Amino acid sequence: MELWPDSEPAPRRESLVSQLLAGLRARETRSEARPPHGWRVAALAGLLIAAGPLALWISASLSAASVEAQNAKLRALLAPRFSSEKRDRVAREDMANMVARPVPGSVLEALARALPTDAGLVRVGMTAQGLIEIEANAPDPDRLRAALRHETIFEALRVTGQTRGDGTMIVTFSGPLR
């Protein structure tokens, strides 16, 4: 069953390229009497085609330079604020480190519990980074090390030095507190 019995197929037409070529051939035959100006038109068309990307490149370069100049002005304007924010951030980190550290009383109490009875405390100090430094003397440095490791607050301490004292060994521990 045909839907459109009276319809005929559309006539076949030439492609756009073949129509363009036919038009150019016809123009060549007509323009043989006149002097040829085709090279001028082609040069003008080439210049117009190249002008678009060139104008875009120039515009982008000028815009980038303008944006960089504005960024430099903003950086100069905001430099004091950035430096004060950095100082504030460092101060907050230092405060957080100080608050997170055990208080000196609890550190000394833990040392009193951990040290063997024959050991003595030479020096206790804390660095700005929160590391503790302990110097203790004992006749048996291995027993001193084991005793400090049994206290959880001193688990991360490492021996950083050992010297001979008056009948005892002076052991230096350093590291973070837990």
N, C-alpha and C. Protein backbone atom coordinates (compact mmCIF):
# COMPACT_ATOMS: atom_id res chain seq x y z
N MET A 1 0.84 -1.18 0.00
CA MET A 1 0.00 0.00 0.00
C MET A 1 0.88 1.24 0.00
N GLU A 2 0.72 2.03 -1.00
CA GLU A 2 1.50 3.25 -1.13
C GLU A 2 0.75 4.39 -0.47
N LEU A 3 1.51 5.21 0.26
CA LEU A 3 0.88 6.33 0.93
C LEU A 3 0.64 7.49 -0.02
N TRP A 4 1.58 7.72 -0.92
CA TRP A 4 1.46 8.84 -1.86
C TRP A 4 1.66 8.31 -3.28
N PRO A 5 0.68 7.78 -3.86
CA PRO A 5 0.86 7.17 -5.18
C PRO A 5 1.17 8.18 -6.27
N ASP A 6 0.74 9.40 -6.11
CA ASP A 6 0.98 10.36 -7.18
C ASP A 6 2.29 11.12 -7.01
N SER A 7 3.04 10.82 -5.94
CA SER A 7 4.30 11.55 -5.75
C SER A 7 5.39 10.96 -6.61
N GLU A 8 6.21 11.83 -7.14
CA GLU A 8 7.32 11.40 -7.98
C GLU A 8 8.62 11.61 -7.21
N PRO A 9 9.63 10.81 -7.50
CA PRO A 9 10.91 11.04 -6.82
C PRO A 9 11.47 12.41 -7.21
N ALA A 10 12.15 13.03 -6.28
CA ALA A 10 12.73 14.34 -6.50
C ALA A 10 13.84 14.23 -7.53
N PRO A 11 13.93 15.22 -8.40
CA PRO A 11 15.00 15.18 -9.41
C PRO A 11 16.37 15.28 -8.74
N ARG A 12 17.31 14.59 -9.27
CA ARG A 12 18.66 14.58 -8.70
C ARG A 12 19.34 15.89 -9.06
N ARG A 13 19.86 16.55 -8.03
CA ARG A 13 20.52 17.83 -8.24
C ARG A 13 22.01 17.65 -8.05
N GLU A 14 22.74 18.56 -8.61
CA GLU A 14 24.19 18.50 -8.47
C GLU A 14 24.58 18.95 -7.06
N SER A 15 25.75 18.50 -6.60
CA SER A 15 26.22 18.89 -5.28
C SER A 15 26.65 20.36 -5.29
N LEU A 16 26.80 20.94 -4.12
CA LEU A 16 27.20 22.34 -4.01
C LEU A 16 28.60 22.56 -4.59
N VAL A 17 29.48 21.60 -4.37
CA VAL A 17 30.84 21.73 -4.88
C VAL A 17 30.84 21.74 -6.40
N SER A 18 30.06 20.83 -6.99
CA SER A 18 30.03 20.80 -8.46
C SER A 18 29.37 22.06 -9.01
N GLN A 19 28.36 22.60 -8.31
CA GLN A 19 27.75 23.86 -8.75
C GLN A 19 28.75 25.00 -8.66
N LEU A 20 29.53 25.03 -7.57
CA LEU A 20 30.53 26.08 -7.40
C LEU A 20 31.58 26.00 -8.50
N LEU A 21 32.06 24.80 -8.78
CA LEU A 21 33.06 24.64 -9.85
C LEU A 21 32.50 25.04 -11.20
N ALA A 22 31.27 24.70 -11.47
CA ALA A 22 30.65 25.08 -12.74
C ALA A 22 30.53 26.60 -12.84
N GLY A 23 30.17 27.24 -11.73
CA GLY A 23 30.07 28.71 -11.73
C GLY A 23 31.43 29.35 -11.96
N LEU A 24 32.49 28.79 -11.35
CA LEU A 24 33.83 29.34 -11.56
C LEU A 24 34.29 29.17 -13.00
N ARG A 25 33.97 28.01 -13.59
CA ARG A 25 34.35 27.80 -15.01
C ARG A 25 33.62 28.78 -15.91
N ALA A 26 32.35 29.01 -15.63
CA ALA A 26 31.58 29.95 -16.45
C ALA A 26 32.14 31.36 -16.29
N ARG A 27 32.57 31.69 -15.10
CA ARG A 27 33.12 33.02 -14.85
C ARG A 27 34.45 33.20 -15.58
N GLU A 28 35.25 32.14 -15.60
CA GLU A 28 36.54 32.23 -16.30
C GLU A 28 36.34 32.50 -17.78
N THR A 29 35.35 31.85 -18.34
CA THR A 29 35.12 32.07 -19.77
C THR A 29 34.60 33.47 -20.04
N ARG A 30 33.83 34.02 -19.10
CA ARG A 30 33.31 35.38 -19.29
C ARG A 30 34.39 36.42 -19.04
N SER A 31 35.33 36.12 -18.12
CA SER A 31 36.30 37.13 -17.75
C SER A 31 37.56 37.10 -18.60
N GLU A 32 37.60 36.29 -19.65
CA GLU A 32 38.80 36.26 -20.48
C GLU A 32 39.00 37.58 -21.20
N ALA A 33 37.93 38.27 -21.46
CA ALA A 33 38.04 39.54 -22.14
C ALA A 33 38.56 40.61 -21.19
N ARG A 34 38.25 40.50 -19.89
CA ARG A 34 38.70 41.49 -18.91
C ARG A 34 40.03 41.06 -18.32
N PRO A 35 40.81 42.01 -17.76
CA PRO A 35 42.06 41.62 -17.11
C PRO A 35 41.76 40.82 -15.82
N PRO A 36 42.57 39.84 -15.50
CA PRO A 36 42.28 38.99 -14.34
C PRO A 36 42.55 39.74 -13.02
N HIS A 37 41.57 39.74 -12.15
CA HIS A 37 41.68 40.34 -10.81
C HIS A 37 41.49 39.28 -9.73
N GLY A 38 41.49 38.04 -10.07
CA GLY A 38 41.23 36.95 -9.13
C GLY A 38 42.27 36.87 -8.02
N TRP A 39 43.53 37.20 -8.34
CA TRP A 39 44.57 37.10 -7.31
C TRP A 39 44.36 38.13 -6.21
N ARG A 40 43.81 39.30 -6.59
CA ARG A 40 43.54 40.33 -5.58
C ARG A 40 42.42 39.88 -4.63
N VAL A 41 41.42 39.30 -5.19
CA VAL A 41 40.30 38.81 -4.38
C VAL A 41 40.79 37.69 -3.46
N ALA A 42 41.63 36.81 -4.00
CA ALA A 42 42.15 35.71 -3.19
C ALA A 42 43.04 36.24 -2.06
N ALA A 43 43.87 37.23 -2.36
CA ALA A 43 44.73 37.81 -1.33
C ALA A 43 43.90 38.51 -0.26
N LEU A 44 42.87 39.24 -0.68
CA LEU A 44 41.99 39.90 0.27
C LEU A 44 41.25 38.88 1.14
N ALA A 45 40.78 37.82 0.54
CA ALA A 45 40.10 36.77 1.31
C ALA A 45 41.06 36.12 2.30
N GLY A 46 42.30 35.86 1.88
CA GLY A 46 43.30 35.28 2.79
C GLY A 46 43.60 36.20 3.96
N LEU A 47 43.72 37.50 3.68
CA LEU A 47 43.96 38.46 4.75
C LEU A 47 42.79 38.51 5.74
N LEU A 48 41.57 38.49 5.20
CA LEU A 48 40.40 38.51 6.08
C LEU A 48 40.31 37.24 6.93
N ILE A 49 40.67 36.12 6.33
CA ILE A 49 40.64 34.86 7.08
C ILE A 49 41.69 34.88 8.19
N ALA A 50 42.88 35.39 7.91
CA ALA A 50 43.95 35.44 8.91
C ALA A 50 43.72 36.52 9.96
N ALA A 51 42.95 37.53 9.64
CA ALA A 51 42.73 38.64 10.57
C ALA A 51 41.93 38.21 11.81
N GLY A 52 41.03 37.27 11.66
CA GLY A 52 40.21 36.82 12.79
C GLY A 52 41.05 36.23 13.91
N PRO A 53 41.82 35.18 13.65
CA PRO A 53 42.65 34.62 14.72
C PRO A 53 43.70 35.61 15.24
N LEU A 54 44.24 36.45 14.35
CA LEU A 54 45.23 37.43 14.79
C LEU A 54 44.60 38.44 15.76
N ALA A 55 43.41 38.90 15.44
CA ALA A 55 42.71 39.83 16.33
C ALA A 55 42.38 39.15 17.66
N LEU A 56 42.00 37.89 17.62
CA LEU A 56 41.71 37.15 18.84
C LEU A 56 42.96 37.00 19.70
N TRP A 57 44.09 36.71 19.07
CA TRP A 57 45.35 36.55 19.81
C TRP A 57 45.77 37.87 20.46
N ILE A 58 45.65 38.96 19.72
CA ILE A 58 46.02 40.27 20.26
C ILE A 58 45.10 40.63 21.43
N SER A 59 43.82 40.39 21.26
CA SER A 59 42.85 40.68 22.33
C SER A 59 43.15 39.84 23.57
N ALA A 60 43.44 38.58 23.40
CA ALA A 60 43.75 37.70 24.54
C ALA A 60 45.03 38.15 25.24
N SER A 61 46.04 38.56 24.48
CA SER A 61 47.29 39.03 25.07
C SER A 61 47.06 40.30 25.90
N LEU A 62 46.29 41.22 25.36
CA LEU A 62 46.00 42.45 26.09
C LEU A 62 45.18 42.16 27.35
N SER A 63 44.21 41.24 27.25
CA SER A 63 43.40 40.88 28.42
C SER A 63 44.26 40.22 29.49
N ALA A 64 45.16 39.33 29.09
CA ALA A 64 46.02 38.64 30.05
C ALA A 64 46.93 39.64 30.76
N ALA A 65 47.47 40.59 30.02
CA ALA A 65 48.33 41.60 30.63
C ALA A 65 47.54 42.45 31.63
N SER A 66 46.32 42.79 31.27
CA SER A 66 45.47 43.59 32.16
C SER A 66 45.14 42.81 33.43
N VAL A 67 44.81 41.53 33.29
CA VAL A 67 44.49 40.70 34.45
C VAL A 67 45.72 40.54 35.35
N GLU A 68 46.89 40.35 34.77
CA GLU A 68 48.12 40.22 35.56
C GLU A 68 48.41 41.52 36.33
N ALA A 69 48.18 42.66 35.70
CA ALA A 69 48.40 43.94 36.39
C ALA A 69 47.43 44.10 37.55
N GLN A 70 46.17 43.70 37.35
CA GLN A 70 45.19 43.78 38.43
C GLN A 70 45.56 42.82 39.56
N ASN A 71 46.02 41.63 39.21
CA ASN A 71 46.44 40.66 40.23
C ASN A 71 47.61 41.19 41.05
N ALA A 72 48.56 41.84 40.39
CA ALA A 72 49.71 42.39 41.11
C ALA A 72 49.25 43.48 42.09
N LYS A 73 48.32 44.32 41.66
CA LYS A 73 47.79 45.36 42.55
C LYS A 73 47.08 44.73 43.74
N LEU A 74 46.28 43.70 43.49
CA LEU A 74 45.57 43.04 44.58
C LEU A 74 46.52 42.36 45.55
N ARG A 75 47.56 41.72 45.02
CA ARG A 75 48.55 41.07 45.90
C ARG A 75 49.21 42.11 46.80
N ALA A 76 49.57 43.25 46.23
CA ALA A 76 50.20 44.31 47.02
C ALA A 76 49.23 44.85 48.08
N LEU A 77 47.96 44.97 47.71
CA LEU A 77 46.96 45.46 48.65
C LEU A 77 46.70 44.46 49.78
N LEU A 78 46.70 43.17 49.44
CA LEU A 78 46.35 42.14 50.43
C LEU A 78 47.55 41.55 51.16
N ALA A 79 48.76 41.95 50.82
CA ALA A 79 49.96 41.39 51.46
C ALA A 79 49.94 41.55 52.98
N PRO A 80 49.58 42.71 53.53
CA PRO A 80 49.54 42.81 55.00
C PRO A 80 48.52 41.87 55.62
N ARG A 81 47.40 41.70 54.96
CA ARG A 81 46.37 40.80 55.50
C ARG A 81 46.85 39.35 55.47
N PHE A 82 47.50 38.94 54.37
CA PHE A 82 48.02 37.58 54.29
C PHE A 82 49.06 37.32 55.36
N SER A 83 49.93 38.29 55.60
CA SER A 83 50.97 38.08 56.62
C SER A 83 50.35 38.01 58.01
N SER A 84 49.34 38.84 58.28
CA SER A 84 48.70 38.77 59.60
C SER A 84 47.92 37.47 59.76
N GLU A 85 47.30 36.99 58.68
CA GLU A 85 46.60 35.71 58.76
C GLU A 85 47.58 34.57 59.00
N LYS A 86 48.76 34.66 58.37
CA LYS A 86 49.77 33.63 58.58
C LYS A 86 50.25 33.65 60.04
N ARG A 87 50.49 34.84 60.57
CA ARG A 87 50.90 34.95 61.98
C ARG A 87 49.82 34.39 62.90
N ASP A 88 48.56 34.70 62.59
CA ASP A 88 47.45 34.19 63.41
C ASP A 88 47.39 32.66 63.34
N ARG A 89 47.58 32.11 62.15
CA ARG A 89 47.54 30.65 61.99
C ARG A 89 48.66 29.99 62.78
N VAL A 90 49.87 30.57 62.70
CA VAL A 90 51.00 30.02 63.45
C VAL A 90 50.74 30.11 64.95
N ALA A 91 50.18 31.23 65.39
CA ALA A 91 49.88 31.39 66.82
C ALA A 91 48.82 30.38 67.27
N ARG A 92 47.80 30.16 66.43
CA ARG A 92 46.78 29.16 66.78
C ARG A 92 47.36 27.76 66.86
N GLU A 93 48.28 27.43 65.93
CA GLU A 93 48.92 26.11 65.97
C GLU A 93 49.76 25.96 67.23
N ASP A 94 50.51 27.02 67.58
CA ASP A 94 51.31 26.97 68.81
C ASP A 94 50.42 26.79 70.04
N MET A 95 49.31 27.52 70.07
CA MET A 95 48.38 27.40 71.20
C MET A 95 47.79 25.99 71.27
N ALA A 96 47.43 25.44 70.11
CA ALA A 96 46.87 24.09 70.10
C ALA A 96 47.91 23.08 70.58
N ASN A 97 49.17 23.27 70.18
CA ASN A 97 50.23 22.37 70.65
C ASN A 97 50.40 22.49 72.16
N MET A 98 50.34 23.71 72.67
CA MET A 98 50.52 23.89 74.11
C MET A 98 49.37 23.29 74.89
N VAL A 99 48.15 23.44 74.40
CA VAL A 99 46.98 22.90 75.09
C VAL A 99 46.99 21.37 75.03
N ALA A 100 47.47 20.81 73.93
CA ALA A 100 47.47 19.36 73.77
C ALA A 100 48.55 18.69 74.62
N ARG A 101 49.57 19.43 75.02
CA ARG A 101 50.64 18.86 75.84
C ARG A 101 50.18 18.60 77.26
N PRO A 102 50.75 17.59 77.86
CA PRO A 102 50.46 17.40 79.28
C PRO A 102 51.08 18.54 80.09
N VAL A 103 50.44 18.88 81.18
CA VAL A 103 50.95 19.96 82.03
C VAL A 103 52.20 19.47 82.77
N PRO A 104 53.10 20.38 83.12
CA PRO A 104 54.35 19.97 83.77
C PRO A 104 54.14 19.13 85.03
N GLY A 105 53.13 19.43 85.81
CA GLY A 105 52.87 18.67 87.03
C GLY A 105 52.59 17.20 86.74
N SER A 106 51.77 16.96 85.70
CA SER A 106 51.45 15.56 85.37
C SER A 106 52.66 14.83 84.80
N VAL A 107 53.54 15.56 84.09
CA VAL A 107 54.77 14.94 83.56
C VAL A 107 55.68 14.54 84.72
N LEU A 108 55.86 15.44 85.68
CA LEU A 108 56.72 15.12 86.83
C LEU A 108 56.13 13.99 87.68
N GLU A 109 54.82 13.97 87.80
CA GLU A 109 54.16 12.90 88.55
C GLU A 109 54.38 11.55 87.85
N ALA A 110 54.25 11.54 86.51
CA ALA A 110 54.48 10.31 85.75
C ALA A 110 55.94 9.87 85.87
N LEU A 111 56.87 10.84 85.88
CA LEU A 111 58.29 10.51 86.05
C LEU A 111 58.54 9.89 87.43
N ALA A 112 57.92 10.43 88.44
CA ALA A 112 58.10 9.91 89.80
C ALA A 112 57.59 8.47 89.89
N ARG A 113 56.49 8.17 89.20
CA ARG A 113 55.96 6.81 89.19
C ARG A 113 56.86 5.87 88.41
N ALA A 114 57.43 6.36 87.28
CA ALA A 114 58.15 5.48 86.35
C ALA A 114 59.60 5.22 86.78
N LEU A 115 60.27 6.19 87.37
CA LEU A 115 61.71 6.02 87.67
C LEU A 115 61.94 4.95 88.73
N PRO A 116 62.95 4.12 88.51
CA PRO A 116 63.30 3.14 89.54
C PRO A 116 63.76 3.87 90.81
N THR A 117 63.76 3.18 91.92
CA THR A 117 64.08 3.80 93.20
C THR A 117 65.53 4.26 93.28
N ASP A 118 66.42 3.59 92.55
CA ASP A 118 67.84 3.98 92.60
C ASP A 118 68.20 5.01 91.54
N ALA A 119 67.22 5.53 90.79
CA ALA A 119 67.47 6.52 89.73
C ALA A 119 67.16 7.91 90.25
N GLY A 120 67.80 8.88 89.66
CA GLY A 120 67.57 10.27 90.02
C GLY A 120 67.34 11.12 88.79
N LEU A 121 66.66 12.21 88.97
CA LEU A 121 66.34 13.12 87.87
C LEU A 121 67.36 14.23 87.85
N VAL A 122 68.05 14.41 86.71
CA VAL A 122 69.06 15.45 86.58
C VAL A 122 68.43 16.72 86.00
N ARG A 123 67.66 16.56 84.92
CA ARG A 123 67.08 17.74 84.24
C ARG A 123 65.85 17.31 83.45
N VAL A 124 64.84 18.17 83.40
CA VAL A 124 63.65 17.96 82.57
C VAL A 124 63.39 19.28 81.85
N GLY A 125 63.17 19.21 80.57
CA GLY A 125 62.89 20.42 79.79
C GLY A 125 61.95 20.10 78.64
N MET A 126 61.33 21.16 78.10
CA MET A 126 60.42 20.98 76.98
C MET A 126 60.75 22.02 75.91
N THR A 127 60.85 21.59 74.66
CA THR A 127 61.14 22.51 73.57
C THR A 127 59.86 23.19 73.11
N ALA A 128 59.99 24.20 72.27
CA ALA A 128 58.82 24.93 71.75
C ALA A 128 57.97 24.04 70.86
N GLN A 129 58.55 23.01 70.28
CA GLN A 129 57.81 22.10 69.41
C GLN A 129 57.07 21.03 70.21
N GLY A 130 57.20 21.03 71.52
CA GLY A 130 56.48 20.07 72.33
C GLY A 130 57.27 18.81 72.64
N LEU A 131 58.54 18.78 72.30
CA LEU A 131 59.38 17.62 72.61
C LEU A 131 59.92 17.77 74.03
N ILE A 132 59.95 16.67 74.75
CA ILE A 132 60.47 16.71 76.11
C ILE A 132 61.88 16.15 76.12
N GLU A 133 62.72 16.72 76.95
CA GLU A 133 64.08 16.24 77.12
C GLU A 133 64.27 15.92 78.60
N ILE A 134 64.68 14.68 78.86
CA ILE A 134 64.86 14.21 80.24
C ILE A 134 66.27 13.67 80.40
N GLU A 135 66.94 14.11 81.43
CA GLU A 135 68.23 13.53 81.81
C GLU A 135 68.04 12.88 83.18
N ALA A 136 68.36 11.59 83.24
CA ALA A 136 68.22 10.87 84.51
C ALA A 136 69.49 10.05 84.74
N ASN A 137 69.85 9.87 86.02
CA ASN A 137 71.02 9.05 86.31
C ASN A 137 70.56 7.79 87.04
N ALA A 138 71.22 6.69 86.72
CA ALA A 138 70.90 5.41 87.34
C ALA A 138 72.12 4.50 87.20
N PRO A 139 72.30 3.57 88.14
CA PRO A 139 73.41 2.64 88.01
C PRO A 139 73.20 1.67 86.85
N ASP A 140 71.94 1.35 86.50
CA ASP A 140 71.65 0.43 85.40
C ASP A 140 70.81 1.17 84.35
N PRO A 141 71.42 1.66 83.26
CA PRO A 141 70.67 2.43 82.27
C PRO A 141 69.61 1.58 81.55
N ASP A 142 69.84 0.28 81.40
CA ASP A 142 68.84 -0.56 80.73
C ASP A 142 67.55 -0.64 81.56
N ARG A 143 67.69 -0.74 82.86
CA ARG A 143 66.52 -0.77 83.74
C ARG A 143 65.79 0.58 83.71
N LEU A 144 66.54 1.65 83.60
CA LEU A 144 65.94 2.99 83.50
C LEU A 144 65.13 3.12 82.21
N ARG A 145 65.70 2.67 81.09
CA ARG A 145 64.99 2.73 79.79
C ARG A 145 63.71 1.90 79.85
N ALA A 146 63.80 0.70 80.38
CA ALA A 146 62.62 -0.18 80.46
C ALA A 146 61.55 0.44 81.36
N ALA A 147 61.96 1.05 82.45
CA ALA A 147 60.99 1.65 83.37
C ALA A 147 60.25 2.81 82.70
N LEU A 148 60.96 3.63 81.94
CA LEU A 148 60.29 4.76 81.26
C LEU A 148 59.37 4.29 80.15
N ARG A 149 59.73 3.21 79.49
CA ARG A 149 58.87 2.71 78.39
C ARG A 149 57.58 2.10 78.93
N HIS A 150 57.54 1.68 80.18
CA HIS A 150 56.33 1.09 80.74
C HIS A 150 55.27 2.15 81.04
N GLU A 151 55.69 3.40 81.16
CA GLU A 151 54.74 4.50 81.39
C GLU A 151 54.29 4.99 80.01
N THR A 152 52.99 4.96 79.73
CA THR A 152 52.49 5.26 78.37
C THR A 152 52.84 6.66 77.90
N ILE A 153 52.93 7.61 78.78
CA ILE A 153 53.23 8.99 78.36
C ILE A 153 54.65 9.10 77.78
N PHE A 154 55.54 8.19 78.18
CA PHE A 154 56.94 8.25 77.74
C PHE A 154 57.30 7.19 76.69
N GLU A 155 56.31 6.51 76.11
CA GLU A 155 56.58 5.43 75.15
C GLU A 155 57.38 5.90 73.94
N ALA A 156 57.15 7.13 73.48
CA ALA A 156 57.79 7.61 72.25
C ALA A 156 59.18 8.19 72.49
N LEU A 157 59.64 8.24 73.73
CA LEU A 157 60.96 8.81 74.00
C LEU A 157 62.06 7.89 73.48
N ARG A 158 63.10 8.51 72.96
CA ARG A 158 64.27 7.78 72.46
C ARG A 158 65.50 8.25 73.21
N VAL A 159 66.46 7.35 73.37
CA VAL A 159 67.72 7.71 74.02
C VAL A 159 68.54 8.52 73.03
N THR A 160 68.94 9.73 73.45
CA THR A 160 69.74 10.59 72.57
C THR A 160 71.16 10.76 73.06
N GLY A 161 71.44 10.27 74.25
CA GLY A 161 72.81 10.38 74.75
C GLY A 161 72.98 9.60 76.03
N GLN A 162 74.23 9.23 76.31
CA GLN A 162 74.53 8.50 77.54
C GLN A 162 75.96 8.82 77.93
N THR A 163 76.16 9.28 79.18
CA THR A 163 77.50 9.61 79.66
C THR A 163 77.71 8.99 81.04
N ARG A 164 78.94 8.80 81.37
CA ARG A 164 79.27 8.22 82.68
C ARG A 164 79.32 9.35 83.70
N GLY A 165 78.69 9.12 84.84
CA GLY A 165 78.70 10.08 85.94
C GLY A 165 79.45 9.50 87.13
N ASP A 166 79.22 10.01 88.32
CA ASP A 166 79.86 9.53 89.55
C ASP A 166 79.22 8.20 89.98
N GLY A 167 79.73 7.11 89.48
CA GLY A 167 79.23 5.79 89.83
C GLY A 167 77.90 5.45 89.17
N THR A 168 77.38 6.32 88.32
CA THR A 168 76.11 6.07 87.62
C THR A 168 76.26 6.45 86.16
N MET A 169 75.25 6.12 85.40
CA MET A 169 75.19 6.53 83.99
C MET A 169 74.10 7.60 83.87
N ILE A 170 74.43 8.67 83.15
CA ILE A 170 73.44 9.72 82.90
C ILE A 170 72.90 9.49 81.49
N VAL A 171 71.61 9.22 81.41
CA VAL A 171 70.95 8.90 80.13
C VAL A 171 70.06 10.08 79.76
N THR A 172 70.16 10.50 78.50
CA THR A 172 69.34 11.61 77.99
C THR A 172 68.27 11.03 77.06
N PHE A 173 67.02 11.36 77.34
CA PHE A 173 65.88 10.94 76.52
C PHE A 173 65.28 12.17 75.86
N SER A 174 64.75 11.98 74.65
CA SER A 174 64.10 13.09 73.94
C SER A 174 63.00 12.53 73.06
N GLY A 175 61.94 13.30 72.91
CA GLY A 175 60.86 12.87 72.02
C GLY A 175 59.54 13.50 72.42
N PRO A 176 58.49 13.14 71.69
CA PRO A 176 57.16 13.70 72.01
C PRO A 176 56.51 12.93 73.15
N LEU A 177 55.64 13.60 73.85
CA LEU A 177 54.86 12.95 74.90
C LEU A 177 53.56 12.44 74.27
N ARG A 178 53.03 11.39 74.84
CA ARG A 178 51.76 10.87 74.33
C ARG A 178 50.62 11.27 75.23
